[in-house]
Amino acid sequence: MPVMPEIFIYTDGACSGNPGPGGWGALLIAKSGNEILKLRELYGGAADTTNNRMELTAAIESLNALDRASEVTVVTDSVYVKDGISKWLHGWKRNGWKTAAKKPVKNDDLWRALDTAQARHQVNWKWIKGHAGHAENELADELANKGMAPFKS
C-alpha cells in the first residue's frame, strides 16, 4: 500500500496600509519521506482590504485548491488565524457568530469560508514567527506581495 503524501501549506497575507491594497500568498508542498512530490504557488489580492482578511484568504484559497480530502499541515505566521480556527471558532459558532463580549465576529464571512474549506480535510494548524528566515514563510510573503502589486498605485 503506497504511503499517502504529507501536504504542507505555508500561508501569508500582506497589506499596504491597513486597510489598503493587499495580497495573499500560499506555498503548497506534497512530501513523501524526504522527497518533494509537488510544489504549487498561489497568490491573489484586493484593492481595499486588511491584513487579517488577506491572511484568512490565503488559508481558504490554499485548502480549496487541494484536489481531494487530505491530511494537511497549515503553517501560518498569523496568530489571528491560528487562534481563531483552533481556539475561538467553536465558541463563535455556538454564540451565533458573536464574540465573548457579544459583539459580531469581525471577518465572519471569511471565518465561515475557512470553516467550510477545512471541513473536508484533516488539518493541523501550526504557527511560526514571521520574517524570521523560515524559507517557506519568506516565499509565502513574496507571493503575498506579488498578489498585492497590481492593486498598489
C-alpha atoms as a PDB file:
ATOM      1  CA  MET A   1       0.000   0.000   0.000  1.00  0.00           C
ATOM      2  CA  PRO A   2       1.569   3.356  -1.035  1.00  0.00           C
ATOM      3  CA  VAL A   3       2.285   5.926   1.642  1.00  0.00           C
ATOM      4  CA  MET A   4      -0.042   8.920   1.418  1.00  0.00           C
ATOM      5  CA  PRO A   5       1.932  12.112   0.805  1.00  0.00           C
ATOM      6  CA  GLU A   6       2.045  14.733   3.520  1.00  0.00           C
ATOM      7  CA  ILE A   7       0.687  18.124   2.467  1.00  0.00           C
ATOM      8  CA  PHE A   8       2.220  21.276   3.906  1.00  0.00           C
ATOM      9  CA  ILE A   9       0.740  24.696   3.197  1.00  0.00           C
ATOM     10  CA  TYR A  10       2.606  27.891   4.084  1.00  0.00           C
ATOM     11  CA  THR A  11       0.395  30.982   4.013  1.00  0.00           C
ATOM     12  CA  ASP A  12       0.856  34.720   4.377  1.00  0.00           C
ATOM     13  CA  GLY A  13      -1.035  37.962   3.899  1.00  0.00           C
ATOM     14  CA  ALA A  14       0.222  41.468   3.231  1.00  0.00           C
ATOM     15  CA  CYS A  15      -1.334  44.912   3.227  1.00  0.00           C
ATOM     16  CA  SER A  16      -0.044  48.361   2.283  1.00  0.00           C
ATOM     17  CA  GLY A  17      -1.897  50.399   4.862  1.00  0.00           C
ATOM     18  CA  ASN A  18      -4.480  48.644   6.958  1.00  0.00           C
ATOM     19  CA  PRO A  19      -6.959  48.937   5.294  1.00  0.00           C
ATOM     20  CA  GLY A  20      -5.450  49.371   1.862  1.00  0.00           C
ATOM     21  CA  PRO A  21      -4.338  47.313  -1.101  1.00  0.00           C
ATOM     22  CA  GLY A  22      -3.468  43.787  -0.017  1.00  0.00           C
ATOM     23  CA  GLY A  23      -2.278  40.419  -1.175  1.00  0.00           C
ATOM     24  CA  TRP A  24      -2.194  36.810  -0.076  1.00  0.00           C
ATOM     25  CA  GLY A  25       0.191  34.019  -0.919  1.00  0.00           C
ATOM     26  CA  ALA A  26       0.431  30.300  -0.317  1.00  0.00           C
ATOM     27  CA  LEU A  27       3.038  27.663  -0.978  1.00  0.00           C
ATOM     28  CA  LEU A  28       1.690  24.084  -1.211  1.00  0.00           C
ATOM     29  CA  ILE A  29       4.137  21.213  -0.858  1.00  0.00           C
ATOM     30  CA  ALA A  30       3.477  17.474  -1.012  1.00  0.00           C
ATOM     31  CA  LYS A  31       6.169  15.287   0.531  1.00  0.00           C
ATOM     32  CA  SER A  32       6.705  11.559   0.707  1.00  0.00           C
ATOM     33  CA  GLY A  33       9.555  10.834   3.097  1.00  0.00           C
ATOM     34  CA  ASN A  34      12.300  13.262   2.102  1.00  0.00           C
ATOM     35  CA  GLU A  35      11.064  13.557  -1.488  1.00  0.00           C
ATOM     36  CA  ILE A  36       9.108  16.638  -2.587  1.00  0.00           C
ATOM     37  CA  LEU A  37       6.422  15.357  -4.948  1.00  0.00           C
ATOM     38  CA  LYS A  38       4.610  18.536  -5.881  1.00  0.00           C
ATOM     39  CA  LEU A  39       5.142  22.230  -5.339  1.00  0.00           C
ATOM     40  CA  ARG A  40       2.473  24.809  -6.103  1.00  0.00           C
ATOM     41  CA  GLU A  41       2.391  28.574  -5.595  1.00  0.00           C
ATOM     42  CA  LEU A  42      -0.850  30.543  -5.283  1.00  0.00           C
ATOM     43  CA  TYR A  43      -1.441  34.260  -4.827  1.00  0.00           C
ATOM     44  CA  GLY A  44      -4.010  36.993  -5.293  1.00  0.00           C
ATOM     45  CA  GLY A  45      -5.047  40.318  -3.885  1.00  0.00           C
ATOM     46  CA  ALA A  46      -7.646  43.005  -3.377  1.00  0.00           C
ATOM     47  CA  ALA A  47      -7.749  46.784  -3.810  1.00  0.00           C
ATOM     48  CA  ASP A  48      -9.179  47.632  -0.395  1.00  0.00           C
ATOM     49  CA  THR A  49      -8.726  45.094   2.380  1.00  0.00           C
ATOM     50  CA  THR A  50      -6.972  44.376   5.674  1.00  0.00           C
ATOM     51  CA  ASN A  51      -4.022  42.219   6.593  1.00  0.00           C
ATOM     52  CA  ASN A  52      -6.248  39.855   8.601  1.00  0.00           C
ATOM     53  CA  ARG A  53      -8.566  39.359   5.611  1.00  0.00           C
ATOM     54  CA  MET A  54      -5.588  38.517   3.414  1.00  0.00           C
ATOM     55  CA  GLU A  55      -4.207  36.053   5.998  1.00  0.00           C
ATOM     56  CA  LEU A  56      -7.592  34.299   6.090  1.00  0.00           C
ATOM     57  CA  THR A  57      -7.941  34.332   2.300  1.00  0.00           C
ATOM     58  CA  ALA A  58      -4.548  32.641   1.896  1.00  0.00           C
ATOM     59  CA  ALA A  59      -5.676  29.758   4.113  1.00  0.00           C
ATOM     60  CA  ILE A  60      -9.085  29.451   2.415  1.00  0.00           C
ATOM     61  CA  GLU A  61      -7.741  29.526  -1.142  1.00  0.00           C
ATOM     62  CA  SER A  62      -4.976  27.049  -0.420  1.00  0.00           C
ATOM     63  CA  LEU A  63      -7.276  24.498   1.254  1.00  0.00           C
ATOM     64  CA  ASN A  64      -9.813  24.883  -1.557  1.00  0.00           C
ATOM     65  CA  ALA A  65      -7.050  24.294  -4.126  1.00  0.00           C
ATOM     66  CA  LEU A  66      -6.483  20.720  -2.922  1.00  0.00           C
ATOM     67  CA  ASP A  67      -7.979  18.186  -5.332  1.00  0.00           C
ATOM     68  CA  ARG A  68      -9.137  15.746  -2.688  1.00  0.00           C
ATOM     69  CA  ALA A  69      -9.583  15.362   1.053  1.00  0.00           C
ATOM     70  CA  SER A  70      -6.118  15.343   2.582  1.00  0.00           C
ATOM     71  CA  GLU A  71      -4.136  15.322   5.771  1.00  0.00           C
ATOM     72  CA  VAL A  72      -2.688  18.825   5.834  1.00  0.00           C
ATOM     73  CA  THR A  73      -0.418  20.952   7.989  1.00  0.00           C
ATOM     74  CA  VAL A  74      -1.137  24.658   7.504  1.00  0.00           C
ATOM     75  CA  VAL A  75       1.756  26.822   8.653  1.00  0.00           C
ATOM     76  CA  THR A  76       0.894  30.469   9.262  1.00  0.00           C
ATOM     77  CA  ASP A  77       2.665  33.419  10.824  1.00  0.00           C
ATOM     78  CA  SER A  78      -0.722  34.828  11.867  1.00  0.00           C
ATOM     79  CA  VAL A  79      -1.699  34.267  15.500  1.00  0.00           C
ATOM     80  CA  TYR A  80      -5.116  35.639  14.497  1.00  0.00           C
ATOM     81  CA  VAL A  81      -5.673  32.788  12.016  1.00  0.00           C
ATOM     82  CA  LYS A  82      -4.128  30.073  14.189  1.00  0.00           C
ATOM     83  CA  ASP A  83      -6.021  31.004  17.357  1.00  0.00           C
ATOM     84  CA  GLY A  84      -9.225  31.865  15.517  1.00  0.00           C
ATOM     85  CA  ILE A  85      -9.520  28.496  13.812  1.00  0.00           C
ATOM     86  CA  SER A  86      -8.220  26.354  16.681  1.00  0.00           C
ATOM     87  CA  LYS A  87      -9.467  28.201  19.797  1.00  0.00           C
ATOM     88  CA  TRP A  88     -12.238  30.699  19.045  1.00  0.00           C
ATOM     89  CA  LEU A  89     -14.263  29.290  16.132  1.00  0.00           C
ATOM     90  CA  HIS A  90     -16.279  26.762  18.132  1.00  0.00           C
ATOM     91  CA  GLY A  91     -17.421  29.444  20.595  1.00  0.00           C
ATOM     92  CA  TRP A  92     -18.310  31.891  17.821  1.00  0.00           C
ATOM     93  CA  LYS A  93     -20.481  29.283  16.136  1.00  0.00           C
ATOM     94  CA  ARG A  94     -22.112  28.318  19.437  1.00  0.00           C
ATOM     95  CA  ASN A  95     -22.806  32.023  20.191  1.00  0.00           C
ATOM     96  CA  GLY A  96     -24.346  32.789  16.790  1.00  0.00           C
ATOM     97  CA  TRP A  97     -21.147  34.400  15.422  1.00  0.00           C
ATOM     98  CA  LYS A  98     -20.777  36.725  18.390  1.00  0.00           C
ATOM     99  CA  THR A  99     -17.626  37.173  20.454  1.00  0.00           C
ATOM    100  CA  ALA A 100     -17.480  36.525  24.189  1.00  0.00           C
ATOM    101  CA  ALA A 101     -18.206  40.271  24.539  1.00  0.00           C
ATOM    102  CA  LYS A 102     -21.423  39.715  22.498  1.00  0.00           C
ATOM    103  CA  LYS A 103     -20.101  41.737  19.547  1.00  0.00           C
ATOM    104  CA  PRO A 104     -20.265  40.494  15.946  1.00  0.00           C
ATOM    105  CA  VAL A 105     -17.205  38.486  14.883  1.00  0.00           C
ATOM    106  CA  LYS A 106     -15.042  40.523  12.505  1.00  0.00           C
ATOM    107  CA  ASN A 107     -14.492  38.879   9.118  1.00  0.00           C
ATOM    108  CA  ASP A 108     -17.175  36.291   9.853  1.00  0.00           C
ATOM    109  CA  ASP A 109     -17.693  35.763   6.106  1.00  0.00           C
ATOM    110  CA  LEU A 110     -14.106  34.558   5.807  1.00  0.00           C
ATOM    111  CA  TRP A 111     -14.178  32.563   9.053  1.00  0.00           C
ATOM    112  CA  ARG A 112     -17.246  30.724   7.736  1.00  0.00           C
ATOM    113  CA  ALA A 113     -15.482  30.082   4.420  1.00  0.00           C
ATOM    114  CA  LEU A 114     -12.387  28.812   6.242  1.00  0.00           C
ATOM    115  CA  ASP A 115     -14.510  26.535   8.410  1.00  0.00           C
ATOM    116  CA  THR A 116     -16.067  25.069   5.254  1.00  0.00           C
ATOM    117  CA  ALA A 117     -12.691  24.778   3.488  1.00  0.00           C
ATOM    118  CA  GLN A 118     -11.086  22.887   6.360  1.00  0.00           C
ATOM    119  CA  ALA A 119     -14.088  20.595   6.931  1.00  0.00           C
ATOM    120  CA  ARG A 120     -13.168  18.170   4.140  1.00  0.00           C
ATOM    121  CA  HIS A 121      -9.576  17.833   5.330  1.00  0.00           C
ATOM    122  CA  GLN A 122      -7.778  16.722   8.460  1.00  0.00           C
ATOM    123  CA  VAL A 123      -5.907  19.927   9.288  1.00  0.00           C
ATOM    124  CA  ASN A 124      -3.141  20.564  11.780  1.00  0.00           C
ATOM    125  CA  TRP A 125      -2.614  24.306  12.322  1.00  0.00           C
ATOM    126  CA  LYS A 126       0.898  25.486  13.138  1.00  0.00           C
ATOM    127  CA  TRP A 127       2.175  28.981  13.934  1.00  0.00           C
ATOM    128  CA  ILE A 128       5.683  30.205  13.161  1.00  0.00           C
ATOM    129  CA  LYS A 129       7.260  33.599  13.684  1.00  0.00           C
ATOM    130  CA  GLY A 130       7.127  35.678  10.501  1.00  0.00           C
ATOM    131  CA  HIS A 131      10.151  37.361   8.917  1.00  0.00           C
ATOM    132  CA  ALA A 132      12.464  35.084  10.881  1.00  0.00           C
ATOM    133  CA  GLY A 133      14.322  33.475   7.991  1.00  0.00           C
ATOM    134  CA  HIS A 134      11.990  30.487   7.521  1.00  0.00           C
ATOM    135  CA  ALA A 135      12.406  29.822   3.765  1.00  0.00           C
ATOM    136  CA  GLU A 136       8.847  28.673   3.024  1.00  0.00           C
ATOM    137  CA  ASN A 137       7.313  31.510   5.039  1.00  0.00           C
ATOM    138  CA  GLU A 138       9.537  34.026   3.262  1.00  0.00           C
ATOM    139  CA  LEU A 139       8.350  32.649  -0.093  1.00  0.00           C
ATOM    140  CA  ALA A 140       4.707  32.886   1.012  1.00  0.00           C
ATOM    141  CA  ASP A 141       5.403  36.535   1.941  1.00  0.00           C
ATOM    142  CA  GLU A 142       6.902  37.163  -1.517  1.00  0.00           C
ATOM    143  CA  LEU A 143       3.807  35.618  -3.110  1.00  0.00           C
ATOM    144  CA  ALA A 144       1.522  37.821  -0.975  1.00  0.00           C
ATOM    145  CA  ASN A 145       3.424  40.900  -2.114  1.00  0.00           C
ATOM    146  CA  LYS A 146       3.179  39.684  -5.731  1.00  0.00           C
ATOM    147  CA  GLY A 147      -0.594  39.364  -5.249  1.00  0.00           C
ATOM    148  CA  MET A 148      -0.780  42.909  -3.852  1.00  0.00           C
ATOM    149  CA  ALA A 149       1.331  44.504  -6.613  1.00  0.00           C
ATOM    150  CA  PRO A 150      -1.471  45.096  -9.164  1.00  0.00           C
ATOM    151  CA  PHE A 151      -3.511  46.968  -6.556  1.00  0.00           C
ATOM    152  CA  LYS A 152      -0.802  49.368  -5.383  1.00  0.00           C
ATOM    153  CA  SER A 153      -0.657  52.751  -7.078  1.00  0.00           C
END
